[in-house]
Full PDB file with SEQRES, HELIX, SHEET, SSBOND, CRYST1, ORIGX, SCALE, CONECT and MASTER records, all heavy atoms in Angstrom:
SEQRES   1 A   43  ALA LEU HIS ASP ASP TYR PHE ILE SER LYS LYS LEU TYR          
SEQRES   2 A   43  PRO ASN VAL ASP PHE TYR SER GLY ILE ILE LEU LYS ALA          
SEQRES   3 A   43  ILE GLY ILE PRO THR SER MET PHE THR VAL ILE PHE ALA          
SEQRES   4 A   43  VAL GLY ARG THR                                              
HELIX    1 AA1 ASP A    5  SER A    9  1                                   5    
HELIX    2 AA2 VAL A   16  ILE A   27  1                                  12    
HELIX    3 AA3 THR A   31  MET A   33  5                                   3    
HELIX    4 AA4 PHE A   34  ARG A   42  1                                   9    
CRYST1    1.000    1.000    1.000  90.00  90.00  90.00 P 1           1          
ORIGX1      1.000000  0.000000  0.000000        0.00000                         
ORIGX2      0.000000  1.000000  0.000000        0.00000                         
ORIGX3      0.000000  0.000000  1.000000        0.00000                         
SCALE1      1.000000  0.000000  0.000000        0.00000                         
SCALE2      0.000000  1.000000  0.000000        0.00000                         
SCALE3      0.000000  0.000000  1.000000        0.00000                         
ATOM      1  N   ALA A   1     251.251  30.974 159.744  1.00  0.00           N  
ATOM      2  CA  ALA A   1     250.440  31.593 160.794  1.00  0.00           C  
ATOM      3  C   ALA A   1     251.163  32.749 161.467  1.00  0.00           C  
ATOM      4  O   ALA A   1     250.532  33.717 161.902  1.00  0.00           O  
ATOM      5  CB  ALA A   1     250.049  30.542 161.833  1.00  0.00           C  
ATOM      6  N   LEU A   2     252.478  32.659 161.573  1.00  0.00           N  
ATOM      7  CA  LEU A   2     253.246  33.701 162.251  1.00  0.00           C  
ATOM      8  C   LEU A   2     253.534  34.902 161.363  1.00  0.00           C  
ATOM      9  O   LEU A   2     253.921  35.962 161.875  1.00  0.00           O  
ATOM     10  CB  LEU A   2     254.563  33.111 162.782  1.00  0.00           C  
ATOM     11  CG  LEU A   2     254.429  32.037 163.885  1.00  0.00           C  
ATOM     12  CD1 LEU A   2     255.795  31.485 164.246  1.00  0.00           C  
ATOM     13  CD2 LEU A   2     253.725  32.592 165.111  1.00  0.00           C  
ATOM     14  N   HIS A   3     253.329  34.773 160.048  1.00  0.00           N  
ATOM     15  CA  HIS A   3     253.696  35.860 159.132  1.00  0.00           C  
ATOM     16  C   HIS A   3     252.564  36.318 158.210  1.00  0.00           C  
ATOM     17  O   HIS A   3     252.642  37.396 157.649  1.00  0.00           O  
ATOM     18  CB  HIS A   3     254.907  35.443 158.272  1.00  0.00           C  
ATOM     19  CG  HIS A   3     256.139  35.177 159.070  1.00  0.00           C  
ATOM     20  ND1 HIS A   3     256.492  33.906 159.498  1.00  0.00           N  
ATOM     21  CD2 HIS A   3     257.097  36.016 159.545  1.00  0.00           C  
ATOM     22  CE1 HIS A   3     257.624  33.978 160.186  1.00  0.00           C  
ATOM     23  NE2 HIS A   3     257.998  35.236 160.245  1.00  0.00           N  
ATOM     24  N   ASP A   4     251.517  35.528 158.045  1.00  0.00           N  
ATOM     25  CA  ASP A   4     250.416  35.872 157.152  1.00  0.00           C  
ATOM     26  C   ASP A   4     249.502  36.900 157.823  1.00  0.00           C  
ATOM     27  O   ASP A   4     249.064  36.726 158.958  1.00  0.00           O  
ATOM     28  CB  ASP A   4     249.627  34.607 156.790  1.00  0.00           C  
ATOM     29  CG  ASP A   4     248.574  34.851 155.725  1.00  0.00           C  
ATOM     30  OD1 ASP A   4     247.565  35.498 156.016  1.00  0.00           O  
ATOM     31  OD2 ASP A   4     248.750  34.354 154.594  1.00  0.00           O  
ATOM     32  N   ASP A   5     249.194  37.976 157.084  1.00  0.00           N  
ATOM     33  CA  ASP A   5     248.376  39.062 157.647  1.00  0.00           C  
ATOM     34  C   ASP A   5     247.012  38.575 158.106  1.00  0.00           C  
ATOM     35  O   ASP A   5     246.470  39.071 159.097  1.00  0.00           O  
ATOM     36  CB  ASP A   5     248.213  40.190 156.619  1.00  0.00           C  
ATOM     37  CG  ASP A   5     249.503  40.970 156.399  1.00  0.00           C  
ATOM     38  OD1 ASP A   5     250.399  40.896 157.276  1.00  0.00           O  
ATOM     39  OD2 ASP A   5     249.616  41.645 155.349  1.00  0.00           O  
ATOM     40  N   TYR A   6     246.429  37.624 157.377  1.00  0.00           N  
ATOM     41  CA  TYR A   6     245.110  37.113 157.746  1.00  0.00           C  
ATOM     42  C   TYR A   6     245.156  36.481 159.134  1.00  0.00           C  
ATOM     43  O   TYR A   6     244.308  36.770 159.997  1.00  0.00           O  
ATOM     44  CB  TYR A   6     244.632  36.091 156.717  1.00  0.00           C  
ATOM     45  CG  TYR A   6     243.326  35.404 157.097  1.00  0.00           C  
ATOM     46  CD1 TYR A   6     242.097  35.988 156.818  1.00  0.00           C  
ATOM     47  CD2 TYR A   6     243.335  34.171 157.754  1.00  0.00           C  
ATOM     48  CE1 TYR A   6     240.909  35.376 157.170  1.00  0.00           C  
ATOM     49  CE2 TYR A   6     242.151  33.538 158.111  1.00  0.00           C  
ATOM     50  CZ  TYR A   6     240.945  34.144 157.824  1.00  0.00           C  
ATOM     51  OH  TYR A   6     239.764  33.530 158.182  1.00  0.00           O  
ATOM     52  N   PHE A   7     246.132  35.614 159.353  1.00  0.00           N  
ATOM     53  CA  PHE A   7     246.254  34.938 160.636  1.00  0.00           C  
ATOM     54  C   PHE A   7     246.596  35.923 161.753  1.00  0.00           C  
ATOM     55  O   PHE A   7     246.074  35.823 162.868  1.00  0.00           O  
ATOM     56  CB  PHE A   7     247.319  33.835 160.561  1.00  0.00           C  
ATOM     57  CG  PHE A   7     246.897  32.638 159.784  1.00  0.00           C  
ATOM     58  CD1 PHE A   7     247.062  32.592 158.408  1.00  0.00           C  
ATOM     59  CD2 PHE A   7     246.315  31.549 160.410  1.00  0.00           C  
ATOM     60  CE1 PHE A   7     246.665  31.485 157.677  1.00  0.00           C  
ATOM     61  CE2 PHE A   7     245.917  30.433 159.684  1.00  0.00           C  
ATOM     62  CZ  PHE A   7     246.086  30.408 158.316  1.00  0.00           C  
ATOM     63  N   ILE A   8     247.461  36.878 161.441  1.00  0.00           N  
ATOM     64  CA  ILE A   8     247.855  37.866 162.448  1.00  0.00           C  
ATOM     65  C   ILE A   8     246.668  38.728 162.849  1.00  0.00           C  
ATOM     66  O   ILE A   8     246.432  38.967 164.034  1.00  0.00           O  
ATOM     67  CB  ILE A   8     249.021  38.729 161.923  1.00  0.00           C  
ATOM     68  CG1 ILE A   8     250.270  37.864 161.708  1.00  0.00           C  
ATOM     69  CG2 ILE A   8     249.316  39.882 162.879  1.00  0.00           C  
ATOM     70  CD1 ILE A   8     251.406  38.573 161.001  1.00  0.00           C  
ATOM     71  N   SER A   9     245.890  39.178 161.868  1.00  0.00           N  
ATOM     72  CA  SER A   9     244.741  40.045 162.148  1.00  0.00           C  
ATOM     73  C   SER A   9     243.658  39.312 162.922  1.00  0.00           C  
ATOM     74  O   SER A   9     242.975  39.889 163.762  1.00  0.00           O  
ATOM     75  CB  SER A   9     244.163  40.609 160.847  1.00  0.00           C  
ATOM     76  OG  SER A   9     243.633  39.568 160.023  1.00  0.00           O  
ATOM     77  N   LYS A  10     243.488  38.032 162.641  1.00  0.00           N  
ATOM     78  CA  LYS A  10     242.492  37.212 163.328  1.00  0.00           C  
ATOM     79  C   LYS A  10     243.015  36.620 164.637  1.00  0.00           C  
ATOM     80  O   LYS A  10     242.264  35.934 165.336  1.00  0.00           O  
ATOM     81  CB  LYS A  10     242.026  36.071 162.414  1.00  0.00           C  
ATOM     82  CG  LYS A  10     241.346  36.513 161.122  1.00  0.00           C  
ATOM     83  CD  LYS A  10     239.959  36.966 161.339  1.00  0.00           C  
ATOM     84  CE  LYS A  10     239.226  37.246 160.040  1.00  0.00           C  
ATOM     85  NZ  LYS A  10     237.851  37.755 160.277  1.00  0.00           N  
ATOM     86  N   LYS A  11     244.312  36.888 164.923  1.00  0.00           N  
ATOM     87  CA  LYS A  11     244.958  36.348 166.127  1.00  0.00           C  
ATOM     88  C   LYS A  11     244.907  34.819 166.148  1.00  0.00           C  
ATOM     89  O   LYS A  11     244.710  34.191 167.186  1.00  0.00           O  
ATOM     90  CB  LYS A  11     244.334  36.940 167.390  1.00  0.00           C  
ATOM     91  CG  LYS A  11     244.537  38.444 167.522  1.00  0.00           C  
ATOM     92  CD  LYS A  11     243.950  38.982 168.815  1.00  0.00           C  
ATOM     93  CE  LYS A  11     244.310  40.436 169.052  1.00  0.00           C  
ATOM     94  NZ  LYS A  11     244.253  41.335 168.010  1.00  0.00           N  
ATOM     95  N   LEU A  12     245.108  34.224 164.968  1.00  0.00           N  
ATOM     96  CA  LEU A  12     245.139  32.771 164.839  1.00  0.00           C  
ATOM     97  C   LEU A  12     246.584  32.286 164.938  1.00  0.00           C  
ATOM     98  O   LEU A  12     247.190  31.821 163.987  1.00  0.00           O  
ATOM     99  CB  LEU A  12     244.499  32.344 163.510  1.00  0.00           C  
ATOM    100  CG  LEU A  12     243.006  32.645 163.364  1.00  0.00           C  
ATOM    101  CD1 LEU A  12     242.522  32.292 161.970  1.00  0.00           C  
ATOM    102  CD2 LEU A  12     242.215  31.863 164.405  1.00  0.00           C  
ATOM    103  N   TYR A  13     247.147  32.423 166.125  1.00  0.00           N  
ATOM    104  CA  TYR A  13     248.509  32.010 166.406  1.00  0.00           C  
ATOM    105  C   TYR A  13     248.545  30.520 166.758  1.00  0.00           C  
ATOM    106  O   TYR A  13     247.551  29.958 167.221  1.00  0.00           O  
ATOM    107  CB  TYR A  13     249.056  32.821 167.578  1.00  0.00           C  
ATOM    108  CG  TYR A  13     248.063  32.848 168.725  1.00  0.00           C  
ATOM    109  CD1 TYR A  13     247.973  31.794 169.626  1.00  0.00           C  
ATOM    110  CD2 TYR A  13     247.166  33.907 168.860  1.00  0.00           C  
ATOM    111  CE1 TYR A  13     247.040  31.792 170.622  1.00  0.00           C  
ATOM    112  CE2 TYR A  13     246.203  33.901 169.863  1.00  0.00           C  
ATOM    113  CZ  TYR A  13     246.146  32.835 170.736  1.00  0.00           C  
ATOM    114  OH  TYR A  13     245.199  32.814 171.728  1.00  0.00           O  
ATOM    115  N   PRO A  14     249.678  29.833 166.543  1.00  0.00           N  
ATOM    116  CA  PRO A  14     249.769  28.434 166.981  1.00  0.00           C  
ATOM    117  C   PRO A  14     249.627  28.352 168.502  1.00  0.00           C  
ATOM    118  O   PRO A  14     250.275  29.099 169.226  1.00  0.00           O  
ATOM    119  CB  PRO A  14     251.178  28.014 166.532  1.00  0.00           C  
ATOM    120  CG  PRO A  14     251.565  28.994 165.467  1.00  0.00           C  
ATOM    121  CD  PRO A  14     250.904  30.280 165.836  1.00  0.00           C  
ATOM    122  N   ASN A  15     248.753  27.465 168.980  1.00  0.00           N  
ATOM    123  CA  ASN A  15     248.527  27.367 170.412  1.00  0.00           C  
ATOM    124  C   ASN A  15     249.219  26.142 171.004  1.00  0.00           C  
ATOM    125  O   ASN A  15     249.945  25.425 170.322  1.00  0.00           O  
ATOM    126  CB  ASN A  15     247.026  27.366 170.720  1.00  0.00           C  
ATOM    127  CG  ASN A  15     246.287  26.215 170.058  1.00  0.00           C  
ATOM    128  OD1 ASN A  15     246.845  25.139 169.850  1.00  0.00           O  
ATOM    129  ND2 ASN A  15     245.012  26.432 169.734  1.00  0.00           N  
ATOM    130  N   VAL A  16     248.990  25.901 172.286  1.00  0.00           N  
ATOM    131  CA  VAL A  16     249.673  24.821 172.987  1.00  0.00           C  
ATOM    132  C   VAL A  16     249.339  23.459 172.388  1.00  0.00           C  
ATOM    133  O   VAL A  16     250.187  22.560 172.346  1.00  0.00           O  
ATOM    134  CB  VAL A  16     249.337  24.862 174.498  1.00  0.00           C  
ATOM    135  CG1 VAL A  16     247.875  24.499 174.747  1.00  0.00           C  
ATOM    136  CG2 VAL A  16     250.259  23.950 175.297  1.00  0.00           C  
ATOM    137  N   ASP A  17     248.113  23.292 171.886  1.00  0.00           N  
ATOM    138  CA  ASP A  17     247.716  22.018 171.294  1.00  0.00           C  
ATOM    139  C   ASP A  17     248.494  21.731 170.008  1.00  0.00           C  
ATOM    140  O   ASP A  17     248.847  20.586 169.726  1.00  0.00           O  
ATOM    141  CB  ASP A  17     246.212  22.002 171.008  1.00  0.00           C  
ATOM    142  CG  ASP A  17     245.378  22.126 172.264  1.00  0.00           C  
ATOM    143  OD1 ASP A  17     245.615  21.349 173.204  1.00  0.00           O  
ATOM    144  OD2 ASP A  17     244.503  23.003 172.325  1.00  0.00           O  
ATOM    145  N   PHE A  18     248.767  22.790 169.243  1.00  0.00           N  
ATOM    146  CA  PHE A  18     249.518  22.632 168.005  1.00  0.00           C  
ATOM    147  C   PHE A  18     250.910  22.088 168.293  1.00  0.00           C  
ATOM    148  O   PHE A  18     251.336  21.090 167.702  1.00  0.00           O  
ATOM    149  CB  PHE A  18     249.602  23.977 167.280  1.00  0.00           C  
ATOM    150  CG  PHE A  18     250.334  23.922 165.964  1.00  0.00           C  
ATOM    151  CD1 PHE A  18     249.705  23.461 164.829  1.00  0.00           C  
ATOM    152  CD2 PHE A  18     251.646  24.343 165.865  1.00  0.00           C  
ATOM    153  CE1 PHE A  18     250.381  23.405 163.611  1.00  0.00           C  
ATOM    154  CE2 PHE A  18     252.330  24.293 164.661  1.00  0.00           C  
ATOM    155  CZ  PHE A  18     251.687  23.829 163.532  1.00  0.00           C  
ATOM    156  N   TYR A  19     251.614  22.716 169.214  1.00  0.00           N  
ATOM    157  CA  TYR A  19     252.991  22.301 169.492  1.00  0.00           C  
ATOM    158  C   TYR A  19     253.071  20.982 170.252  1.00  0.00           C  
ATOM    159  O   TYR A  19     253.968  20.179 170.008  1.00  0.00           O  
ATOM    160  CB  TYR A  19     253.729  23.399 170.243  1.00  0.00           C  
ATOM    161  CG  TYR A  19     253.998  24.621 169.397  1.00  0.00           C  
ATOM    162  CD1 TYR A  19     253.439  25.853 169.713  1.00  0.00           C  
ATOM    163  CD2 TYR A  19     254.805  24.542 168.280  1.00  0.00           C  
ATOM    164  CE1 TYR A  19     253.674  26.971 168.936  1.00  0.00           C  
ATOM    165  CE2 TYR A  19     255.056  25.667 167.488  1.00  0.00           C  
ATOM    166  CZ  TYR A  19     254.486  26.866 167.823  1.00  0.00           C  
ATOM    167  OH  TYR A  19     254.722  27.980 167.040  1.00  0.00           O  
ATOM    168  N   SER A  20     252.132  20.751 171.174  1.00  0.00           N  
ATOM    169  CA  SER A  20     252.167  19.478 171.902  1.00  0.00           C  
ATOM    170  C   SER A  20     251.891  18.320 170.956  1.00  0.00           C  
ATOM    171  O   SER A  20     252.485  17.238 171.095  1.00  0.00           O  
ATOM    172  CB  SER A  20     251.166  19.486 173.059  1.00  0.00           C  
ATOM    173  OG  SER A  20     249.827  19.573 172.605  1.00  0.00           O  
ATOM    174  N   GLY A  21     251.011  18.541 169.968  1.00  0.00           N  
ATOM    175  CA  GLY A  21     250.758  17.503 168.970  1.00  0.00           C  
ATOM    176  C   GLY A  21     252.012  17.161 168.184  1.00  0.00           C  
ATOM    177  O   GLY A  21     252.301  15.989 167.911  1.00  0.00           O  
ATOM    178  N   ILE A  22     252.789  18.196 167.803  1.00  0.00           N  
ATOM    179  CA  ILE A  22     254.042  17.989 167.076  1.00  0.00           C  
ATOM    180  C   ILE A  22     255.024  17.177 167.925  1.00  0.00           C  
ATOM    181  O   ILE A  22     255.659  16.226 167.446  1.00  0.00           O  
ATOM    182  CB  ILE A  22     254.669  19.338 166.685  1.00  0.00           C  
ATOM    183  CG1 ILE A  22     253.808  20.033 165.622  1.00  0.00           C  
ATOM    184  CG2 ILE A  22     256.085  19.151 166.166  1.00  0.00           C  
ATOM    185  CD1 ILE A  22     254.284  21.429 165.273  1.00  0.00           C  
ATOM    186  N   ILE A  23     255.156  17.551 169.200  1.00  0.00           N  
ATOM    187  CA  ILE A  23     256.092  16.860 170.094  1.00  0.00           C  
ATOM    188  C   ILE A  23     255.715  15.395 170.253  1.00  0.00           C  
ATOM    189  O   ILE A  23     256.552  14.495 170.121  1.00  0.00           O  
ATOM    190  CB  ILE A  23     256.135  17.555 171.473  1.00  0.00           C  
ATOM    191  CG1 ILE A  23     256.755  18.941 171.345  1.00  0.00           C  
ATOM    192  CG2 ILE A  23     256.929  16.709 172.476  1.00  0.00           C  
ATOM    193  CD1 ILE A  23     256.645  19.767 172.609  1.00  0.00           C  
ATOM    194  N   LEU A  24     254.461  15.147 170.552  1.00  0.00           N  
ATOM    195  CA  LEU A  24     254.019  13.774 170.804  1.00  0.00           C  
ATOM    196  C   LEU A  24     254.164  12.913 169.550  1.00  0.00           C  
ATOM    197  O   LEU A  24     254.540  11.744 169.626  1.00  0.00           O  
ATOM    198  CB  LEU A  24     252.579  13.780 171.304  1.00  0.00           C  
ATOM    199  CG  LEU A  24     252.360  14.485 172.662  1.00  0.00           C  
ATOM    200  CD1 LEU A  24     250.885  14.547 173.003  1.00  0.00           C  
ATOM    201  CD2 LEU A  24     253.129  13.780 173.773  1.00  0.00           C  
ATOM    202  N   LYS A  25     253.863  13.495 168.398  1.00  0.00           N  
ATOM    203  CA  LYS A  25     254.047  12.771 167.135  1.00  0.00           C  
ATOM    204  C   LYS A  25     255.514  12.424 166.931  1.00  0.00           C  
ATOM    205  O   LYS A  25     255.850  11.295 166.551  1.00  0.00           O  
ATOM    206  CB  LYS A  25     253.527  13.627 165.980  1.00  0.00           C  
ATOM    207  CG  LYS A  25     253.869  13.096 164.573  1.00  0.00           C  
ATOM    208  CD  LYS A  25     253.149  11.797 164.259  1.00  0.00           C  
ATOM    209  CE  LYS A  25     253.468  11.332 162.847  1.00  0.00           C  
ATOM    210  NZ  LYS A  25     252.841  10.012 162.546  1.00  0.00           N  
ATOM    211  N   ALA A  26     256.400  13.390 167.188  1.00  0.00           N  
ATOM    212  CA  ALA A  26     257.836  13.167 166.995  1.00  0.00           C  
ATOM    213  C   ALA A  26     258.370  12.093 167.934  1.00  0.00           C  
ATOM    214  O   ALA A  26     259.219  11.276 167.543  1.00  0.00           O  
ATOM    215  CB  ALA A  26     258.596  14.478 167.200  1.00  0.00           C  
ATOM    216  N   ILE A  27     257.884  12.068 169.174  1.00  0.00           N  
ATOM    217  CA  ILE A  27     258.334  11.075 170.148  1.00  0.00           C  
ATOM    218  C   ILE A  27     257.897   9.667 169.754  1.00  0.00           C  
ATOM    219  O   ILE A  27     258.539   8.679 170.123  1.00  0.00           O  
ATOM    220  CB  ILE A  27     257.834  11.443 171.557  1.00  0.00           C  
ATOM    221  CG1 ILE A  27     258.532  12.725 172.050  1.00  0.00           C  
ATOM    222  CG2 ILE A  27     258.074  10.324 172.549  1.00  0.00           C  
ATOM    223  CD1 ILE A  27     258.016  13.241 173.376  1.00  0.00           C  
ATOM    224  N   GLY A  28     256.826   9.582 168.970  1.00  0.00           N  
ATOM    225  CA  GLY A  28     256.323   8.276 168.562  1.00  0.00           C  
ATOM    226  C   GLY A  28     255.072   7.841 169.286  1.00  0.00           C  
ATOM    227  O   GLY A  28     254.676   6.672 169.227  1.00  0.00           O  
ATOM    228  N   ILE A  29     254.428   8.789 169.961  1.00  0.00           N  
ATOM    229  CA  ILE A  29     253.199   8.486 170.675  1.00  0.00           C  
ATOM    230  C   ILE A  29     252.023   8.539 169.704  1.00  0.00           C  
ATOM    231  O   ILE A  29     251.866   9.535 168.988  1.00  0.00           O  
ATOM    232  CB  ILE A  29     253.006   9.468 171.838  1.00  0.00           C  
ATOM    233  CG1 ILE A  29     254.088   9.212 172.897  1.00  0.00           C  
ATOM    234  CG2 ILE A  29     251.618   9.329 172.465  1.00  0.00           C  
ATOM    235  CD1 ILE A  29     254.141  10.235 174.002  1.00  0.00           C  
ATOM    236  N   PRO A  30     251.207   7.493 169.632  1.00  0.00           N  
ATOM    237  CA  PRO A  30     250.092   7.485 168.673  1.00  0.00           C  
ATOM    238  C   PRO A  30     249.057   8.550 168.995  1.00  0.00           C  
ATOM    239  O   PRO A  30     248.883   8.941 170.156  1.00  0.00           O  
ATOM    240  CB  PRO A  30     249.510   6.072 168.816  1.00  0.00           C  
ATOM    241  CG  PRO A  30     249.924   5.620 170.169  1.00  0.00           C  
ATOM    242  CD  PRO A  30     251.258   6.256 170.428  1.00  0.00           C  
ATOM    243  N   THR A  31     248.366   8.993 167.969  1.00  0.00           N  
ATOM    244  CA  THR A  31     247.394  10.076 168.122  1.00  0.00           C  
ATOM    245  C   THR A  31     246.335   9.742 169.164  1.00  0.00           C  
ATOM    246  O   THR A  31     245.891  10.620 169.914  1.00  0.00           O  
ATOM    247  CB  THR A  31     246.720  10.365 166.765  1.00  0.00           C  
ATOM    248  OG1 THR A  31     247.717  10.600 165.775  1.00  0.00           O  
ATOM    249  CG2 THR A  31     245.828  11.589 166.856  1.00  0.00           C  
ATOM    250  N   SER A  32     245.922   8.495 169.237  1.00  0.00           N  
ATOM    251  CA  SER A  32     244.876   8.095 170.184  1.00  0.00           C  
ATOM    252  C   SER A  32     245.281   8.301 171.637  1.00  0.00           C  
ATOM    253  O   SER A  32     244.431   8.328 172.530  1.00  0.00           O  
ATOM    254  CB  SER A  32     244.498   6.626 169.966  1.00  0.00           C  
ATOM    255  OG  SER A  32     245.613   5.777 170.182  1.00  0.00           O  
ATOM    256  N   MET A  33     246.594   8.447 171.895  1.00  0.00           N  
ATOM    257  CA  MET A  33     247.087   8.636 173.255  1.00  0.00           C  
ATOM    258  C   MET A  33     247.228  10.104 173.647  1.00  0.00           C  
ATOM    259  O   MET A  33     247.514  10.404 174.813  1.00  0.00           O  
ATOM    260  CB  MET A  33     248.444   7.944 173.421  1.00  0.00           C  
ATOM    261  CG  MET A  33     248.388   6.445 173.588  1.00  0.00           C  
ATOM    262  SD  MET A  33     247.621   5.943 175.140  1.00  0.00           S  
ATOM    263  CE  MET A  33     248.786   6.611 176.334  1.00  0.00           C  
ATOM    264  N   PHE A  34     247.043  11.018 172.708  1.00  0.00           N  
ATOM    265  CA  PHE A  34     247.282  12.428 173.011  1.00  0.00           C  
ATOM    266  C   PHE A  34     246.416  12.924 174.165  1.00  0.00           C  
ATOM    267  O   PHE A  34     246.890  13.578 175.092  1.00  0.00           O  
ATOM    268  CB  PHE A  34     247.039  13.286 171.762  1.00  0.00           C  
ATOM    269  CG  PHE A  34     248.104  13.208 170.718  1.00  0.00           C  
ATOM    270  CD1 PHE A  34     249.111  12.258 170.772  1.00  0.00           C  
ATOM    271  CD2 PHE A  34     248.102  14.083 169.649  1.00  0.00           C  
ATOM    272  CE1 PHE A  34     250.094  12.187 169.788  1.00  0.00           C  
ATOM    273  CE2 PHE A  34     249.074  14.022 168.666  1.00  0.00           C  
ATOM    274  CZ  PHE A  34     250.068  13.070 168.736  1.00  0.00           C  
ATOM    275  N   THR A  35     245.112  12.649 174.095  1.00  0.00           N  
ATOM    276  CA  THR A  35     244.204  13.133 175.127  1.00  0.00           C  
ATOM    277  C   THR A  35     244.466  12.437 176.458  1.00  0.00           C  
ATOM    278  O   THR A  35     244.287  13.025 177.528  1.00  0.00           O  
ATOM    279  CB  THR A  35     242.741  12.940 174.697  1.00  0.00           C  
ATOM    280  OG1 THR A  35     242.567  13.370 173.350  1.00  0.00           O  
ATOM    281  CG2 THR A  35     241.805  13.751 175.585  1.00  0.00           C  
ATOM    282  N   VAL A  36     244.908  11.202 176.409  1.00  0.00           N  
ATOM    283  CA  VAL A  36     245.264  10.477 177.630  1.00  0.00           C  
ATOM    284  C   VAL A  36     246.401  11.199 178.353  1.00  0.00           C  
ATOM    285  O   VAL A  36     246.379  11.365 179.577  1.00  0.00           O  
ATOM    286  CB  VAL A  36     245.669   9.025 177.304  1.00  0.00           C  
ATOM    287  CG1 VAL A  36     246.161   8.315 178.562  1.00  0.00           C  
ATOM    288  CG2 VAL A  36     244.491   8.275 176.681  1.00  0.00           C  
ATOM    289  N   ILE A  37     247.404  11.630 177.601  1.00  0.00           N  
ATOM    290  CA  ILE A  37     248.529  12.348 178.189  1.00  0.00           C  
ATOM    291  C   ILE A  37     248.072  13.686 178.766  1.00  0.00           C  
ATOM    292  O   ILE A  37     248.535  14.106 179.834  1.00  0.00           O  
ATOM    293  CB  ILE A  37     249.639  12.520 177.136  1.00  0.00           C  
ATOM    294  CG1 ILE A  37     250.289  11.159 176.868  1.00  0.00           C  
ATOM    295  CG2 ILE A  37     250.678  13.557 177.570  1.00  0.00           C  
ATOM    296  CD1 ILE A  37     251.209  11.130 175.687  1.00  0.00           C  
ATOM    297  N   PHE A  38     247.147  14.354 178.091  1.00  0.00           N  
ATOM    298  CA  PHE A  38     246.526  15.564 178.617  1.00  0.00           C  
ATOM    299  C   PHE A  38     245.886  15.248 179.979  1.00  0.00           C  
ATOM    300  O   PHE A  38     246.065  15.982 180.952  1.00  0.00           O  
ATOM    301  CB  PHE A  38     245.481  16.063 177.619  1.00  0.00           C  
ATOM    302  CG  PHE A  38     244.941  17.445 177.871  1.00  0.00           C  
ATOM    303  CD1 PHE A  38     244.485  18.202 176.807  1.00  0.00           C  
ATOM    304  CD2 PHE A  38     244.849  18.001 179.154  1.00  0.00           C  
ATOM    305  CE1 PHE A  38     243.978  19.489 177.006  1.00  0.00           C  
ATOM    306  CE2 PHE A  38     244.341  19.286 179.353  1.00  0.00           C  
ATOM    307  CZ  PHE A  38     243.893  20.010 178.284  1.00  0.00           C  
ATOM    308  N   ALA A  39     245.174  14.139 180.066  1.00  0.00           N  
ATOM    309  CA  ALA A  39     244.504  13.745 181.306  1.00  0.00           C  
ATOM    310  C   ALA A  39     245.506  13.481 182.427  1.00  0.00           C  
ATOM    311  O   ALA A  39     245.255  13.823 183.589  1.00  0.00           O  
ATOM    312  CB  ALA A  39     243.639  12.509 181.072  1.00  0.00           C  
ATOM    313  N   VAL A  40     246.642  12.877 182.090  1.00  0.00           N  
ATOM    314  CA  VAL A  40     247.675  12.626 183.092  1.00  0.00           C  
ATOM    315  C   VAL A  40     248.141  13.950 183.703  1.00  0.00           C  
ATOM    316  O   VAL A  40     248.202  14.112 184.918  1.00  0.00           O  
ATOM    317  CB  VAL A  40     248.870  11.866 182.478  1.00  0.00           C  
ATOM    318  CG1 VAL A  40     250.020  11.775 183.490  1.00  0.00           C  
ATOM    319  CG2 VAL A  40     248.452  10.465 182.050  1.00  0.00           C  
ATOM    320  N   GLY A  41     248.468  14.913 182.836  1.00  0.00           N  
ATOM    321  CA  GLY A  41     248.924  16.207 183.319  1.00  0.00           C  
ATOM    322  C   GLY A  41     247.867  16.966 184.095  1.00  0.00           C  
ATOM    323  O   GLY A  41     248.156  17.615 185.106  1.00  0.00           O  
ATOM    324  N   ARG A  42     246.621  16.894 183.662  1.00  0.00           N  
ATOM    325  CA  ARG A  42     245.530  17.669 184.247  1.00  0.00           C  
ATOM    326  C   ARG A  42     245.022  17.069 185.561  1.00  0.00           C  
ATOM    327  O   ARG A  42     244.337  17.752 186.312  1.00  0.00           O  
ATOM    328  CB  ARG A  42     244.376  17.806 183.229  1.00  0.00           C  
ATOM    329  CG  ARG A  42     243.172  18.638 183.678  1.00  0.00           C  
ATOM    330  CD  ARG A  42     243.558  20.077 184.112  1.00  0.00           C  
ATOM    331  NE  ARG A  42     244.276  20.795 183.097  1.00  0.00           N  
ATOM    332  CZ  ARG A  42     243.707  21.496 182.107  1.00  0.00           C  
ATOM    333  NH1 ARG A  42     242.385  21.570 182.016  1.00  0.00           N  
ATOM    334  NH2 ARG A  42     244.461  22.135 181.216  1.00  0.00           N  
ATOM    335  N   THR A  43     245.382  15.835 185.872  1.00  0.00           N  
ATOM    336  CA  THR A  43     244.875  15.168 187.074  1.00  0.00           C  
ATOM    337  C   THR A  43     245.122  15.998 188.325  1.00  0.00           C  
ATOM    338  O   THR A  43     244.249  16.138 189.181  1.00  0.00           O  
ATOM    339  CB  THR A  43     245.504  13.770 187.235  1.00  0.00           C  
ATOM    340  OG1 THR A  43     245.072  12.951 186.150  1.00  0.00           O  
ATOM    341  CG2 THR A  43     245.085  13.120 188.545  1.00  0.00           C  
TER     342      THR A  43                                                      
MASTER        0    0    0    4    0    0    0    6  341    1    0    4          
END                                                                             
């Protein structure tokens, strides 16, 4: 996404959801909890 002309031209850059998903997966948090954690922060 950071180097392919198609993604660059379409401005399809990795967003906050992409990286937060990677972090939460690495920590060991199950996918079903991702939106819950979003809700905690957004409260």
